[in-house]
């Protein structure tokens, strides 16, 4: 998880700095926010945020422990990737625009 966050932080920092240095803030801000939103949606999809309580309960009782562990790991990793990108994109659009 630490490596994942570090890689996501470095990628978002590079895009942030590219936006500032080149002066093309909207372009790099859109890319950074787009990556963040995509990974946030992937995390929400794997968490079961888009299904009803009955379906979530049925999925919980039919999946194995390994499947549940893999799903939770994928959800956590995608949210960890999304956070630095959302912060960097928000900073680009808020303070440097």
Protein backbone atom coordinates (compact mmCIF):
# COMPACT_ATOMS: atom_id res chain seq x y z
CA UNK A 1 0.00 0.00 0.00
CA UNK A 2 2.87 2.37 0.73
CA UNK A 3 4.40 1.73 -2.69
CA UNK A 4 1.03 2.33 -4.34
CA UNK A 5 0.59 5.64 -2.56
CA UNK A 6 4.15 6.69 -3.33
CA UNK A 7 3.76 5.91 -7.04
CA UNK A 8 0.40 7.72 -7.20
CA UNK A 9 1.87 10.68 -5.35
CA UNK A 10 4.84 10.90 -7.71
CA UNK A 11 2.62 10.69 -10.81
CA UNK A 12 0.25 13.36 -9.49
CA UNK A 13 3.20 15.56 -8.47
CA UNK A 14 4.71 15.27 -11.96
CA UNK A 15 1.39 16.22 -13.57
CA UNK A 16 0.98 19.07 -11.06
CA UNK A 17 4.44 20.43 -11.81
CA UNK A 18 3.95 20.03 -15.56
CA UNK A 19 0.78 22.07 -15.29
CA UNK A 20 2.53 24.87 -13.44
CA UNK A 21 5.72 24.91 -15.50
CA UNK A 22 4.04 24.77 -18.91
CA UNK A 23 1.23 27.12 -17.91
CA UNK A 24 -1.29 24.65 -19.30
CA UNK A 25 -3.10 24.27 -16.00
CA UNK A 26 -6.51 23.27 -17.36
CA UNK A 27 -5.10 20.44 -19.47
CA UNK A 28 -2.99 18.84 -16.76
CA UNK A 29 -5.62 19.58 -14.12
CA UNK A 30 -8.21 17.77 -16.22
CA UNK A 31 -5.92 14.77 -16.69
CA UNK A 32 -5.16 14.62 -12.97
CA UNK A 33 -8.79 14.97 -11.94
CA UNK A 34 -9.84 12.45 -14.59
CA UNK A 35 -7.44 9.84 -13.23
CA UNK A 36 -8.68 10.55 -9.71
CA UNK A 37 -12.35 10.27 -10.64
CA UNK A 38 -11.81 7.04 -12.61
CA UNK A 39 -10.04 5.36 -9.72
CA UNK A 40 -12.60 6.71 -7.25
CA UNK A 41 -15.38 5.19 -9.34
CA UNK A 42 -13.50 1.88 -9.49
CA UNK A 43 -13.18 1.92 -5.71
CA UNK A 44 -16.87 2.72 -5.29
CA UNK A 45 -17.80 -0.04 -7.72
CA UNK A 46 -15.82 -2.63 -5.79
CA UNK A 47 -17.18 -1.41 -2.45
CA UNK A 48 -20.76 -1.99 -3.57
CA UNK A 49 -21.79 1.66 -3.39
CA UNK A 50 -23.92 1.43 -6.54
CA UNK A 51 -26.09 -1.53 -5.54
CA UNK A 52 -28.98 -1.95 -3.13
CA UNK A 53 -28.66 -3.33 0.37
CA UNK A 54 -30.37 -6.57 -0.59
CA UNK A 55 -27.98 -7.17 -3.48
CA UNK A 56 -24.99 -6.31 -1.30
CA UNK A 57 -26.17 -8.79 1.33
CA UNK A 58 -26.71 -11.49 -1.29
CA UNK A 59 -23.25 -10.87 -2.77
CA UNK A 60 -21.70 -11.05 0.70
CA UNK A 61 -23.21 -14.46 1.42
CA UNK A 62 -22.33 -15.98 -1.95
CA UNK A 63 -18.71 -14.87 -2.26
CA UNK A 64 -15.77 -16.69 -0.75
CA UNK A 65 -13.36 -15.23 1.76
CA UNK A 66 -10.66 -14.95 -0.91
CA UNK A 67 -13.01 -13.11 -3.27
CA UNK A 68 -14.00 -10.68 -0.53
CA UNK A 69 -10.35 -10.09 0.38
CA UNK A 70 -9.41 -9.46 -3.25
CA UNK A 71 -12.36 -7.09 -3.69
CA UNK A 72 -11.47 -5.11 -0.57
CA UNK A 73 -7.81 -4.92 -1.60
CA UNK A 74 -8.75 -3.64 -5.07
CA UNK A 75 -11.08 -1.07 -3.51
CA UNK A 76 -8.40 0.16 -1.11
CA UNK A 77 -5.71 0.39 -3.77
CA UNK A 78 -7.91 2.31 -6.19
CA UNK A 79 -8.94 4.82 -3.50
CA UNK A 80 -5.30 5.24 -2.46
CA UNK A 81 -4.44 5.99 -6.10
CA UNK A 82 -7.37 8.41 -6.44
CA UNK A 83 -6.63 10.61 -3.43
CA UNK A 84 -3.34 12.26 -4.51
CA UNK A 85 -4.71 12.85 -8.00
CA UNK A 86 -7.87 14.50 -6.69
CA UNK A 87 -5.84 16.73 -4.36
CA UNK A 88 -3.37 17.74 -7.09
CA UNK A 89 -6.14 18.43 -9.61
CA UNK A 90 -8.12 20.39 -7.05
CA UNK A 91 -5.08 22.50 -6.20
CA UNK A 92 -4.40 23.19 -9.87
CA UNK A 93 -7.93 24.37 -10.52
CA UNK A 94 -8.37 26.22 -7.24
CA UNK A 95 -5.15 28.08 -6.60
CA UNK A 96 -3.38 28.29 -9.93
CA UNK A 97 -6.23 29.09 -12.27
